[in-house]
PDB file of N, CA and C in Angstrom:
ATOM      1  N   UNK A   1       2.651  13.208   1.369  1.00  0.00           N
ATOM      2  CA  UNK A   1       2.135  12.934   0.015  1.00  0.00           C
ATOM      3  C   UNK A   1       3.418  13.024  -0.954  1.00  0.00           C
ATOM      4  N   UNK A   2       3.437  11.848  -1.666  1.00  0.00           N
ATOM      5  CA  UNK A   2       4.489  11.641  -2.637  1.00  0.00           C
ATOM      6  C   UNK A   2       3.999  12.129  -4.044  1.00  0.00           C
ATOM      7  N   UNK A   3       4.930  12.562  -4.956  1.00  0.00           N
ATOM      8  CA  UNK A   3       4.599  12.773  -6.329  1.00  0.00           C
ATOM      9  C   UNK A   3       4.705  11.230  -6.944  1.00  0.00           C
ATOM     10  N   UNK A   4       4.308  10.985  -8.169  1.00  0.00           N
ATOM     11  CA  UNK A   4       4.321   9.759  -8.854  1.00  0.00           C
ATOM     12  C   UNK A   4       5.765   9.265  -8.786  1.00  0.00           C
ATOM     13  N   UNK A   5       6.767  10.027  -9.118  1.00  0.00           N
ATOM     14  CA  UNK A   5       8.138   9.699  -9.310  1.00  0.00           C
ATOM     15  C   UNK A   5       8.824   9.516  -7.976  1.00  0.00           C
ATOM     16  N   UNK A   6       8.430  10.389  -7.032  1.00  0.00           N
ATOM     17  CA  UNK A   6       8.968  10.136  -5.586  1.00  0.00           C
ATOM     18  C   UNK A   6       8.507   8.787  -5.169  1.00  0.00           C
ATOM     19  N   UNK A   7       7.222   8.407  -5.424  1.00  0.00           N
ATOM     20  CA  UNK A   7       6.768   7.204  -4.880  1.00  0.00           C
ATOM     21  C   UNK A   7       7.492   6.073  -5.574  1.00  0.00           C
ATOM     22  N   UNK A   8       7.641   6.063  -6.936  1.00  0.00           N
ATOM     23  CA  UNK A   8       8.384   5.066  -7.678  1.00  0.00           C
ATOM     24  C   UNK A   8       9.718   4.812  -7.021  1.00  0.00           C
ATOM     25  N   UNK A   9      10.490   6.008  -6.927  1.00  0.00           N
ATOM     26  CA  UNK A   9      11.896   5.845  -6.293  1.00  0.00           C
ATOM     27  C   UNK A   9      11.860   5.191  -4.917  1.00  0.00           C
ATOM     28  N   UNK A  10      10.855   5.684  -4.150  1.00  0.00           N
ATOM     29  CA  UNK A  10      10.798   5.246  -2.751  1.00  0.00           C
ATOM     30  C   UNK A  10      10.604   3.683  -2.741  1.00  0.00           C
ATOM     31  N   UNK A  11       9.578   3.295  -3.557  1.00  0.00           N
ATOM     32  CA  UNK A  11       9.349   1.787  -3.601  1.00  0.00           C
ATOM     33  C   UNK A  11      10.542   0.996  -4.164  1.00  0.00           C
ATOM     34  N   UNK A  12      11.283   1.469  -5.154  1.00  0.00           N
ATOM     35  CA  UNK A  12      12.452   0.735  -5.500  1.00  0.00           C
ATOM     36  C   UNK A  12      13.442   0.790  -4.340  1.00  0.00           C
ATOM     37  N   UNK A  13      13.554   1.783  -3.519  1.00  0.00           N
ATOM     38  CA  UNK A  13      14.460   1.856  -2.433  1.00  0.00           C
ATOM     39  C   UNK A  13      14.122   0.904  -1.385  1.00  0.00           C
ATOM     40  N   UNK A  14      12.920   0.390  -1.323  1.00  0.00           N
ATOM     41  CA  UNK A  14      12.435  -0.634  -0.383  1.00  0.00           C
ATOM     42  C   UNK A  14      12.139  -1.885  -1.064  1.00  0.00           C
ATOM     43  N   UNK A  15      13.067  -2.125  -2.054  1.00  0.00           N
ATOM     44  CA  UNK A  15      13.092  -3.448  -2.708  1.00  0.00           C
ATOM     45  C   UNK A  15      11.904  -3.987  -3.434  1.00  0.00           C
ATOM     46  N   UNK A  16      10.979  -3.118  -3.844  1.00  0.00           N
ATOM     47  CA  UNK A  16       9.887  -3.602  -4.675  1.00  0.00           C
ATOM     48  C   UNK A  16      10.394  -3.854  -6.065  1.00  0.00           C
ATOM     49  N   UNK A  17      10.034  -4.890  -6.734  1.00  0.00           N
ATOM     50  CA  UNK A  17      10.669  -5.328  -8.032  1.00  0.00           C
ATOM     51  C   UNK A  17      10.150  -4.340  -9.025  1.00  0.00           C
ATOM     52  N   UNK A  18      11.291  -3.847  -9.864  1.00  0.00           N
ATOM     53  CA  UNK A  18      10.971  -2.975 -10.950  1.00  0.00           C
ATOM     54  C   UNK A  18       9.977  -3.548 -11.847  1.00  0.00           C
ATOM     55  N   UNK A  19       9.913  -4.755 -12.109  1.00  0.00           N
ATOM     56  CA  UNK A  19       8.936  -5.478 -12.983  1.00  0.00           C
ATOM     57  C   UNK A  19       7.517  -5.172 -12.705  1.00  0.00           C
ATOM     58  N   UNK A  20       7.267  -5.046 -11.421  1.00  0.00           N
ATOM     59  CA  UNK A  20       5.934  -4.663 -10.981  1.00  0.00           C
ATOM     60  C   UNK A  20       5.683  -3.257 -10.493  1.00  0.00           C
ATOM     61  N   UNK A  21       6.598  -2.319 -10.718  1.00  0.00           N
ATOM     62  CA  UNK A  21       6.508  -1.005 -10.171  1.00  0.00           C
ATOM     63  C   UNK A  21       5.301  -0.228 -10.672  1.00  0.00           C
ATOM     64  N   UNK A  22       4.965  -0.405 -11.866  1.00  0.00           N
ATOM     65  CA  UNK A  22       3.850   0.492 -12.499  1.00  0.00           C
ATOM     66  C   UNK A  22       2.539  -0.159 -11.745  1.00  0.00           C
ATOM     67  N   UNK A  23       2.448  -1.350 -11.492  1.00  0.00           N
ATOM     68  CA  UNK A  23       1.323  -1.909 -10.788  1.00  0.00           C
ATOM     69  C   UNK A  23       1.208  -1.419  -9.219  1.00  0.00           C
ATOM     70  N   UNK A  24       2.371  -1.366  -8.637  1.00  0.00           N
ATOM     71  CA  UNK A  24       2.432  -0.731  -7.293  1.00  0.00           C
ATOM     72  C   UNK A  24       2.084   0.736  -7.269  1.00  0.00           C
ATOM     73  N   UNK A  25       2.486   1.442  -8.113  1.00  0.00           N
ATOM     74  CA  UNK A  25       2.246   2.958  -8.207  1.00  0.00           C
ATOM     75  C   UNK A  25       0.747   2.962  -8.497  1.00  0.00           C
ATOM     76  N   UNK A  26       0.245   2.187  -9.432  1.00  0.00           N
ATOM     77  CA  UNK A  26      -1.322   2.328  -9.725  1.00  0.00           C
ATOM     78  C   UNK A  26      -2.124   1.975  -8.484  1.00  0.00           C
ATOM     79  N   UNK A  27      -1.574   0.903  -7.768  1.00  0.00           N
ATOM     80  CA  UNK A  27      -2.341   0.486  -6.558  1.00  0.00           C
ATOM     81  C   UNK A  27      -2.336   1.620  -5.535  1.00  0.00           C
ATOM     82  N   UNK A  28      -1.157   2.203  -5.166  1.00  0.00           N
ATOM     83  CA  UNK A  28      -1.056   3.303  -4.189  1.00  0.00           C
ATOM     84  C   UNK A  28      -1.866   4.563  -4.602  1.00  0.00           C
ATOM     85  N   UNK A  29      -1.807   4.954  -5.896  1.00  0.00           N
ATOM     86  CA  UNK A  29      -2.572   5.992  -6.245  1.00  0.00           C
ATOM     87  C   UNK A  29      -4.156   5.893  -6.237  1.00  0.00           C
ATOM     88  N   UNK A  30      -4.631   4.573  -6.284  1.00  0.00           N
ATOM     89  CA  UNK A  30      -5.979   4.276  -6.293  1.00  0.00           C
ATOM     90  C   UNK A  30      -6.388   3.972  -4.874  1.00  0.00           C
ATOM     91  N   UNK A  31      -5.528   3.502  -4.066  1.00  0.00           N
ATOM     92  CA  UNK A  31      -5.900   3.198  -2.608  1.00  0.00           C
ATOM     93  C   UNK A  31      -5.900   4.408  -1.697  1.00  0.00           C
ATOM     94  N   UNK A  32      -4.793   5.219  -1.850  1.00  0.00           N
ATOM     95  CA  UNK A  32      -4.475   6.300  -0.867  1.00  0.00           C
ATOM     96  C   UNK A  32      -4.244   7.593  -1.471  1.00  0.00           C
ATOM     97  N   UNK A  33      -4.281   7.714  -2.964  1.00  0.00           N
ATOM     98  CA  UNK A  33      -3.871   8.958  -3.578  1.00  0.00           C
ATOM     99  C   UNK A  33      -2.498   9.314  -3.254  1.00  0.00           C
ATOM    100  N   UNK A  34      -1.526   8.434  -3.032  1.00  0.00           N
ATOM    101  CA  UNK A  34      -0.151   8.585  -2.555  1.00  0.00           C
ATOM    102  C   UNK A  34      -0.089   9.371  -1.317  1.00  0.00           C
ATOM    103  N   UNK A  35      -0.971   9.309  -0.403  1.00  0.00           N
ATOM    104  CA  UNK A  35      -1.031   9.881   0.924  1.00  0.00           C
ATOM    105  C   UNK A  35      -0.600   8.913   1.970  1.00  0.00           C
ATOM    106  N   UNK A  36       0.391   9.271   2.807  1.00  0.00           N
ATOM    107  CA  UNK A  36       0.789   8.150   3.834  1.00  0.00           C
ATOM    108  C   UNK A  36      -0.102   8.429   5.082  1.00  0.00           C
ATOM    109  N   UNK A  37      -0.880   9.451   5.144  1.00  0.00           N
ATOM    110  CA  UNK A  37      -1.798   9.708   6.378  1.00  0.00           C
ATOM    111  C   UNK A  37      -3.234   9.359   6.200  1.00  0.00           C
ATOM    112  N   UNK A  38      -3.573   8.748   5.048  1.00  0.00           N
ATOM    113  CA  UNK A  38      -4.915   8.435   4.802  1.00  0.00           C
ATOM    114  C   UNK A  38      -5.508   7.196   5.723  1.00  0.00           C
ATOM    115  N   UNK A  39      -6.574   7.547   6.336  1.00  0.00           N
ATOM    116  CA  UNK A  39      -7.292   6.513   7.135  1.00  0.00           C
ATOM    117  C   UNK A  39      -8.830   6.459   6.520  1.00  0.00           C
ATOM    118  N   UNK A  40      -9.183   5.295   6.313  1.00  0.00           N
ATOM    119  CA  UNK A  40     -10.478   5.087   5.632  1.00  0.00           C
ATOM    120  C   UNK A  40     -11.317   3.999   6.436  1.00  0.00           C
ATOM    121  N   UNK A  41     -12.480   4.365   6.843  1.00  0.00           N
ATOM    122  CA  UNK A  41     -13.282   3.325   7.458  1.00  0.00           C
ATOM    123  C   UNK A  41     -13.989   2.480   6.284  1.00  0.00           C
ATOM    124  N   UNK A  42     -13.773   1.211   6.482  1.00  0.00           N
ATOM    125  CA  UNK A  42     -14.318   0.276   5.432  1.00  0.00           C
ATOM    126  C   UNK A  42     -15.706  -0.374   5.753  1.00  0.00           C
ATOM    127  N   UNK A  43     -16.326  -0.861   4.884  1.00  0.00           N
ATOM    128  CA  UNK A  43     -17.772  -1.377   5.062  1.00  0.00           C
ATOM    129  C   UNK A  43     -17.749  -2.581   6.037  1.00  0.00           C
ATOM    130  N   UNK A  44     -16.641  -3.278   6.145  1.00  0.00           N
ATOM    131  CA  UNK A  44     -16.640  -4.508   6.997  1.00  0.00           C
ATOM    132  C   UNK A  44     -16.268  -4.233   8.421  1.00  0.00           C
ATOM    133  N   UNK A  45     -16.378  -2.929   8.913  1.00  0.00           N
ATOM    134  CA  UNK A  45     -16.058  -2.514  10.208  1.00  0.00           C
ATOM    135  C   UNK A  45     -14.573  -2.390  10.498  1.00  0.00           C
ATOM    136  N   UNK A  46     -13.748  -2.602   9.474  1.00  0.00           N
ATOM    137  CA  UNK A  46     -12.353  -2.464   9.695  1.00  0.00           C
ATOM    138  C   UNK A  46     -11.934  -1.032   9.073  1.00  0.00           C
ATOM    139  N   UNK A  47     -10.629  -0.778   9.164  1.00  0.00           N
ATOM    140  CA  UNK A  47     -10.086   0.556   8.814  1.00  0.00           C
ATOM    141  C   UNK A  47      -8.841   0.154   7.814  1.00  0.00           C
ATOM    142  N   UNK A  48      -8.653   0.987   6.886  1.00  0.00           N
ATOM    143  CA  UNK A  48      -7.540   1.091   5.976  1.00  0.00           C
ATOM    144  C   UNK A  48      -6.539   2.093   6.398  1.00  0.00           C
ATOM    145  N   UNK A  49      -5.278   1.791   6.473  1.00  0.00           N
ATOM    146  CA  UNK A  49      -4.367   2.778   6.990  1.00  0.00           C
ATOM    147  C   UNK A  49      -3.212   2.953   5.964  1.00  0.00           C
ATOM    148  N   UNK A  50      -2.991   4.236   5.814  1.00  0.00           N
ATOM    149  CA  UNK A  50      -1.650   4.664   5.077  1.00  0.00           C
ATOM    150  C   UNK A  50      -1.601   4.479   3.622  1.00  0.00           C
ATOM    151  N   UNK A  51      -0.457   4.508   3.100  1.00  0.00           N
ATOM    152  CA  UNK A  51      -0.189   4.508   1.649  1.00  0.00           C
ATOM    153  C   UNK A  51      -0.722   3.358   0.841  1.00  0.00           C
ATOM    154  N   UNK A  52      -0.708   2.166   1.559  1.00  0.00           N
ATOM    155  CA  UNK A  52      -1.271   0.905   0.954  1.00  0.00           C
ATOM    156  C   UNK A  52      -2.562   0.480   1.401  1.00  0.00           C
ATOM    157  N   UNK A  53      -3.242   1.381   2.385  1.00  0.00           N
ATOM    158  CA  UNK A  53      -4.534   1.178   2.961  1.00  0.00           C
ATOM    159  C   UNK A  53      -4.483  -0.238   3.537  1.00  0.00           C
ATOM    160  N   UNK A  54      -3.579  -0.537   4.299  1.00  0.00           N
ATOM    161  CA  UNK A  54      -3.503  -1.790   5.006  1.00  0.00           C
ATOM    162  C   UNK A  54      -4.578  -1.982   5.986  1.00  0.00           C
ATOM    163  N   UNK A  55      -5.232  -3.108   5.900  1.00  0.00           N
ATOM    164  CA  UNK A  55      -6.552  -3.274   6.565  1.00  0.00           C
ATOM    165  C   UNK A  55      -6.375  -3.910   8.075  1.00  0.00           C
ATOM    166  N   UNK A  56      -7.102  -3.119   8.997  1.00  0.00           N
ATOM    167  CA  UNK A  56      -6.947  -3.537  10.426  1.00  0.00           C
ATOM    168  C   UNK A  56      -7.599  -4.950  10.817  1.00  0.00           C
ATOM    169  N   UNK A  57      -8.435  -5.323   9.773  1.00  0.00           N
ATOM    170  CA  UNK A  57      -9.074  -6.674  10.213  1.00  0.00           C
ATOM    171  C   UNK A  57      -8.072  -7.783  10.365  1.00  0.00           C
ATOM    172  N   UNK A  58      -7.133  -7.790   9.346  1.00  0.00           N
ATOM    173  CA  UNK A  58      -6.111  -9.053   9.457  1.00  0.00           C
ATOM    174  C   UNK A  58      -4.738  -8.594   9.729  1.00  0.00           C
ATOM    175  N   UNK A  59      -4.333  -7.483   9.189  1.00  0.00           N
ATOM    176  CA  UNK A  59      -2.824  -7.171   9.065  1.00  0.00           C
ATOM    177  C   UNK A  59      -2.245  -6.478  10.266  1.00  0.00           C
ATOM    178  N   UNK A  60      -2.984  -5.615  10.857  1.00  0.00           N
ATOM    179  CA  UNK A  60      -2.439  -4.709  11.972  1.00  0.00           C
ATOM    180  C   UNK A  60      -3.498  -4.577  13.042  1.00  0.00           C
ATOM    181  N   UNK A  61      -3.158  -3.975  14.207  1.00  0.00           N
ATOM    182  CA  UNK A  61      -4.134  -3.735  15.299  1.00  0.00           C
ATOM    183  C   UNK A  61      -4.012  -2.346  15.616  1.00  0.00           C
ATOM    184  N   UNK A  62      -5.096  -1.713  16.002  1.00  0.00           N
ATOM    185  CA  UNK A  62      -5.251  -0.334  16.364  1.00  0.00           C
ATOM    186  C   UNK A  62      -4.644  -0.354  17.856  1.00  0.00           C
ATOM    187  N   UNK A  63      -3.853   0.707  18.077  1.00  0.00           N
ATOM    188  CA  UNK A  63      -3.361   1.011  19.436  1.00  0.00           C
ATOM    189  C   UNK A  63      -2.299  -0.052  20.053  1.00  0.00           C
ATOM    190  N   UNK A  64      -2.084  -1.098  19.414  1.00  0.00           N
ATOM    191  CA  UNK A  64      -0.930  -2.125  19.901  1.00  0.00           C
ATOM    192  C   UNK A  64      -0.575  -2.993  18.680  1.00  0.00           C
ATOM    193  N   UNK A  65       0.619  -3.526  18.901  1.00  0.00           N
ATOM    194  CA  UNK A  65       1.155  -4.492  17.876  1.00  0.00           C
ATOM    195  C   UNK A  65       0.268  -5.653  17.684  1.00  0.00           C
ATOM    196  N   UNK A  66       0.116  -6.078  16.442  1.00  0.00           N
ATOM    197  CA  UNK A  66      -0.696  -7.294  16.252  1.00  0.00           C
ATOM    198  C   UNK A  66      -1.116  -7.565  14.765  1.00  0.00           C
ATOM    199  N   UNK A  67      -1.918  -8.454  14.558  1.00  0.00           N
ATOM    200  CA  UNK A  67      -2.301  -8.726  13.231  1.00  0.00           C
ATOM    201  C   UNK A  67      -1.034  -9.605  12.551  1.00  0.00           C
ATOM    202  N   UNK A  68      -1.378 -10.038  11.350  1.00  0.00           N
ATOM    203  CA  UNK A  68      -0.340 -10.841  10.664  1.00  0.00           C
ATOM    204  C   UNK A  68       1.007 -10.126  10.581  1.00  0.00           C
ATOM    205  N   UNK A  69       0.919  -8.865  10.367  1.00  0.00           N
ATOM    206  CA  UNK A  69       2.268  -8.102  10.147  1.00  0.00           C
ATOM    207  C   UNK A  69       2.872  -7.679  11.571  1.00  0.00           C
ATOM    208  N   UNK A  70       2.173  -7.982  12.558  1.00  0.00           N
ATOM    209  CA  UNK A  70       2.508  -7.662  13.916  1.00  0.00           C
ATOM    210  C   UNK A  70       3.015  -6.247  14.130  1.00  0.00           C
ATOM    211  N   UNK A  71       2.127  -5.319  13.846  1.00  0.00           N
ATOM    212  CA  UNK A  71       2.429  -3.869  13.943  1.00  0.00           C
ATOM    213  C   UNK A  71       1.125  -3.108  14.351  1.00  0.00           C
ATOM    214  N   UNK A  72       1.358  -1.894  14.988  1.00  0.00           N
ATOM    215  CA  UNK A  72       0.200  -1.010  15.215  1.00  0.00           C
ATOM    216  C   UNK A  72      -0.161  -0.351  13.919  1.00  0.00           C
ATOM    217  N   UNK A  73      -1.367  -0.393  13.663  1.00  0.00           N
ATOM    218  CA  UNK A  73      -1.891   0.279  12.448  1.00  0.00           C
ATOM    219  C   UNK A  73      -1.455   1.749  12.282  1.00  0.00           C
ATOM    220  N   UNK A  74      -1.495   2.445  13.429  1.00  0.00           N
ATOM    221  CA  UNK A  74      -1.018   3.829  13.332  1.00  0.00           C
ATOM    222  C   UNK A  74       0.369   4.039  12.807  1.00  0.00           C
ATOM    223  N   UNK A  75       1.180   3.039  12.868  1.00  0.00           N
ATOM    224  CA  UNK A  75       2.570   3.073  12.354  1.00  0.00           C
ATOM    225  C   UNK A  75       2.702   3.252  10.897  1.00  0.00           C
ATOM    226  N   UNK A  76       1.524   3.004  10.051  1.00  0.00           N
ATOM    227  CA  UNK A  76       1.415   3.160   8.795  1.00  0.00           C
ATOM    228  C   UNK A  76       1.127   4.615   8.380  1.00  0.00           C
ATOM    229  N   UNK A  77       0.955   5.507   9.250  1.00  0.00           N
ATOM    230  CA  UNK A  77       0.524   6.854   9.013  1.00  0.00           C
ATOM    231  C   UNK A  77       1.551   7.916   8.974  1.00  0.00           C
ATOM    232  N   UNK A  78       2.864   7.512   8.768  1.00  0.00           N
ATOM    233  CA  UNK A  78       3.832   8.497   8.607  1.00  0.00           C
ATOM    234  C   UNK A  78       4.612   8.275   7.169  1.00  0.00           C
ATOM    235  N   UNK A  79       5.629   9.192   6.937  1.00  0.00           N
ATOM    236  CA  UNK A  79       6.283   9.215   5.660  1.00  0.00           C
ATOM    237  C   UNK A  79       7.438   8.136   5.724  1.00  0.00           C
ATOM    238  N   UNK A  80       7.755   7.496   6.745  1.00  0.00           N
ATOM    239  CA  UNK A  80       8.724   6.305   6.792  1.00  0.00           C
ATOM    240  C   UNK A  80       7.964   5.144   6.437  1.00  0.00           C
ATOM    241  N   UNK A  81       8.257   4.683   5.212  1.00  0.00           N
ATOM    242  CA  UNK A  81       7.394   3.555   4.708  1.00  0.00           C
ATOM    243  C   UNK A  81       8.050   2.138   4.740  1.00  0.00           C
ATOM    244  N   UNK A  82       9.095   1.965   5.502  1.00  0.00           N
ATOM    245  CA  UNK A  82       9.744   0.647   5.630  1.00  0.00           C
ATOM    246  C   UNK A  82       8.809  -0.438   6.187  1.00  0.00           C
ATOM    247  N   UNK A  83       8.011  -0.118   7.283  1.00  0.00           N
ATOM    248  CA  UNK A  83       7.061  -0.918   7.903  1.00  0.00           C
ATOM    249  C   UNK A  83       5.861  -1.308   7.091  1.00  0.00           C
ATOM    250  N   UNK A  84       5.472  -0.164   6.272  1.00  0.00           N
ATOM    251  CA  UNK A  84       4.333  -0.383   5.357  1.00  0.00           C
ATOM    252  C   UNK A  84       4.715  -1.184   4.223  1.00  0.00           C
ATOM    253  N   UNK A  85       5.978  -1.111   3.759  1.00  0.00           N
ATOM    254  CA  UNK A  85       6.435  -1.799   2.674  1.00  0.00           C
ATOM    255  C   UNK A  85       6.576  -3.360   2.961  1.00  0.00           C
ATOM    256  N   UNK A  86       7.095  -3.591   4.133  1.00  0.00           N
ATOM    257  CA  UNK A  86       7.277  -4.977   4.580  1.00  0.00           C
ATOM    258  C   UNK A  86       5.941  -5.625   4.647  1.00  0.00           C
ATOM    259  N   UNK A  87       4.883  -4.921   5.193  1.00  0.00           N
ATOM    260  CA  UNK A  87       3.574  -5.506   5.391  1.00  0.00           C
ATOM    261  C   UNK A  87       2.936  -5.716   4.100  1.00  0.00           C
ATOM    262  N   UNK A  88       3.055  -4.607   3.211  1.00  0.00           N
ATOM    263  CA  UNK A  88       2.369  -4.805   1.853  1.00  0.00           C
ATOM    264  C   UNK A  88       3.014  -5.923   0.963  1.00  0.00           C
ATOM    265  N   UNK A  89       4.291  -6.246   1.194  1.00  0.00           N
ATOM    266  CA  UNK A  89       4.918  -7.339   0.493  1.00  0.00           C
ATOM    267  C   UNK A  89       4.362  -8.543   1.082  1.00  0.00           C
ATOM    268  N   UNK A  90       4.163  -8.687   2.344  1.00  0.00           N
ATOM    269  CA  UNK A  90       3.648  -9.925   3.019  1.00  0.00           C
ATOM    270  C   UNK A  90       2.293 -10.158   2.489  1.00  0.00           C
ATOM    271  N   UNK A  91       1.521  -9.083   2.257  1.00  0.00           N
ATOM    272  CA  UNK A  91       0.076  -9.250   1.844  1.00  0.00           C
ATOM    273  C   UNK A  91       0.138  -9.781   0.372  1.00  0.00           C
ATOM    274  N   UNK A  92       1.058  -9.113  -0.508  1.00  0.00           N
ATOM    275  CA  UNK A  92       1.268  -9.457  -1.870  1.00  0.00           C
ATOM    276  C   UNK A  92       1.582 -10.943  -1.938  1.00  0.00           C
ATOM    277  N   UNK A  93       2.667 -11.291  -1.085  1.00  0.00           N
ATOM    278  CA  UNK A  93       3.085 -12.698  -1.216  1.00  0.00           C
ATOM    279  C   UNK A  93       2.113 -13.795  -0.848  1.00  0.00           C
ATOM    280  N   UNK A  94       1.141 -13.366  -0.098  1.00  0.00           N
ATOM    281  CA  UNK A  94      -0.080 -14.341   0.236  1.00  0.00           C
ATOM    282  C   UNK A  94      -1.178 -14.216  -0.705  1.00  0.00           C
ATOM    283  N   UNK A  95      -1.515 -12.959  -1.304  1.00  0.00           N
ATOM    284  CA  UNK A  95      -2.729 -12.869  -1.956  1.00  0.00           C
ATOM    285  C   UNK A  95      -2.583 -12.162  -3.362  1.00  0.00           C
ATOM    286  N   UNK A  96      -1.407 -11.747  -3.592  1.00  0.00           N
ATOM    287  CA  UNK A  96      -1.106 -10.957  -4.929  1.00  0.00           C
ATOM    288  C   UNK A  96      -1.849  -9.565  -4.836  1.00  0.00           C
ATOM    289  N   UNK A  97      -1.783  -8.846  -5.953  1.00  0.00           N
ATOM    290  CA  UNK A  97      -2.556  -7.632  -6.100  1.00  0.00           C
ATOM    291  C   UNK A  97      -4.071  -7.698  -5.780  1.00  0.00           C
ATOM    292  N   UNK A  98      -4.542  -8.850  -5.915  1.00  0.00           N
ATOM    293  CA  UNK A  98      -6.018  -9.117  -5.723  1.00  0.00           C
ATOM    294  C   UNK A  98      -6.441  -8.697  -4.248  1.00  0.00           C
ATOM    295  N   UNK A  99      -5.538  -8.487  -3.392  1.00  0.00           N
ATOM    296  CA  UNK A  99      -5.822  -8.159  -2.017  1.00  0.00           C
ATOM    297  C   UNK A  99      -6.336  -6.743  -1.952  1.00  0.00           C
ATOM    298  N   UNK A 100      -6.155  -5.933  -2.943  1.00  0.00           N
ATOM    299  CA  UNK A 100      -6.448  -4.446  -2.899  1.00  0.00           C
ATOM    300  C   UNK A 100      -7.491  -4.186  -4.001  1.00  0.00           C
ATOM    301  N   UNK A 101      -8.643  -3.655  -3.497  1.00  0.00           N
ATOM    302  CA  UNK A 101      -9.792  -3.295  -4.234  1.00  0.00           C
ATOM    303  C   UNK A 101      -9.386  -2.284  -5.344  1.00  0.00           C
ATOM    304  N   UNK A 102      -8.588  -1.256  -4.879  1.00  0.00           N
ATOM    305  CA  UNK A 102      -8.176  -0.178  -5.717  1.00  0.00           C
ATOM    306  C   UNK A 102      -7.440  -0.755  -6.989  1.00  0.00           C
ATOM    307  N   UNK A 103      -6.630  -1.769  -6.684  1.00  0.00           N
ATOM    308  CA  UNK A 103      -5.843  -2.397  -7.827  1.00  0.00           C
ATOM    309  C   UNK A 103      -6.924  -3.188  -8.693  1.00  0.00           C
ATOM    310  N   UNK A 104      -7.789  -3.943  -8.096  1.00  0.00           N
ATOM    311  CA  UNK A 104      -8.648  -4.722  -8.932  1.00  0.00           C
ATOM    312  C   UNK A 104      -9.546  -3.912  -9.751  1.00  0.00           C
ATOM    313  N   UNK A 105      -9.973  -2.753  -9.168  1.00  0.00           N
ATOM    314  CA  UNK A 105     -11.029  -1.953 -10.061  1.00  0.00           C
ATOM    315  C   UNK A 105     -10.390  -1.003 -10.921  1.00  0.00           C
ATOM    316  N   UNK A 106      -9.217  -0.494 -10.617  1.00  0.00           N
ATOM    317  CA  UNK A 106      -8.666   0.484 -11.351  1.00  0.00           C
ATOM    318  C   UNK A 106      -7.406   0.195 -12.202  1.00  0.00           C
ATOM    319  N   UNK A 107      -6.713  -0.901 -11.802  1.00  0.00           N
ATOM    320  CA  UNK A 107      -5.487  -1.244 -12.489  1.00  0.00           C
ATOM    321  C   UNK A 107      -5.403  -2.492 -13.317  1.00  0.00           C
ATOM    322  N   UNK A 108      -6.053  -3.444 -12.727  1.00  0.00           N
ATOM    323  CA  UNK A 108      -6.027  -4.868 -13.403  1.00  0.00           C
ATOM    324  C   UNK A 108      -6.516  -4.747 -14.987  1.00  0.00           C
ATOM    325  N   UNK A 109      -5.708  -5.152 -15.745  1.00  0.00           N
ATOM    326  CA  UNK A 109      -6.043  -5.156 -17.264  1.00  0.00           C
ATOM    327  C   UNK A 109      -6.198  -3.811 -17.773  1.00  0.00           C
ATOM    328  N   UNK A 110      -5.715  -2.733 -17.094  1.00  0.00           N
ATOM    329  CA  UNK A 110      -5.784  -1.364 -17.692  1.00  0.00           C
ATOM    330  C   UNK A 110      -4.471  -0.801 -17.928  1.00  0.00           C
ATOM    331  N   UNK A 111      -4.337   0.270 -18.612  1.00  0.00           N
ATOM    332  CA  UNK A 111      -3.117   0.937 -18.894  1.00  0.00           C
ATOM    333  C   UNK A 111      -2.590   1.459 -17.538  1.00  0.00           C
ATOM    334  N   UNK A 112      -1.346   1.129 -17.265  1.00  0.00           N
ATOM    335  CA  UNK A 112      -0.815   1.479 -15.999  1.00  0.00           C
ATOM    336  C   UNK A 112       0.143   2.781 -16.017  1.00  0.00           C
ATOM    337  N   UNK A 113       0.453   3.468 -14.913  1.00  0.00           N
ATOM    338  CA  UNK A 113       1.149   4.713 -14.935  1.00  0.00           C
ATOM    339  C   UNK A 113       2.621   4.333 -15.610  1.00  0.00           C
ATOM    340  N   UNK A 114       3.001   5.375 -16.325  1.00  0.00           N
ATOM    341  CA  UNK A 114       4.442   5.248 -17.007  1.00  0.00           C
ATOM    342  C   UNK A 114       5.472   5.874 -15.906  1.00  0.00           C
ATOM    343  N   UNK A 115       6.279   5.022 -15.324  1.00  0.00           N
ATOM    344  CA  UNK A 115       7.310   5.344 -14.403  1.00  0.00           C
ATOM    345  C   UNK A 115       8.702   5.231 -14.985  1.00  0.00           C
ATOM    346  N   UNK A 116       8.791   4.999 -16.228  1.00  0.00           N
ATOM    347  CA  UNK A 116      10.161   4.685 -16.890  1.00  0.00           C
ATOM    348  C   UNK A 116      10.970   5.898 -16.753  1.00  0.00           C
ATOM    349  N   UNK A 117      10.491   7.126 -16.756  1.00  0.00           N
ATOM    350  CA  UNK A 117      11.358   8.308 -16.731  1.00  0.00           C
ATOM    351  C   UNK A 117      11.736   8.776 -15.381  1.00  0.00           C
ATOM    352  N   UNK A 118      11.338   8.097 -14.289  1.00  0.00           N
ATOM    353  CA  UNK A 118      11.460   8.549 -12.948  1.00  0.00           C
ATOM    354  C   UNK A 118      12.904   8.256 -12.509  1.00  0.00           C
TER     355      UNK A 118
END
């Protein structure tokens, strides 16, 4: 589990653009509560994994490498977020923040977390 500032620094370390940093922090806070170990069963019979709640329907496969990100979903459940970050950026590059319900429902058009002092 990251604090807000730890998360912001970690995202920057993984080349997330500073201009979108508040959006990414808001997304993570609303998707996983900043927890790398979160697993959530979704209504479409898929599962969300890790910090970014990456969906097993398209992006990863349970128990083996696969999906668009070519990774095991369980690999998103540790504190090493390089693989999570690569996949999240791949999702973002295809669909933008709209791919994440947590961002759509809690961040879009709203006041975002202040990470300027981190």
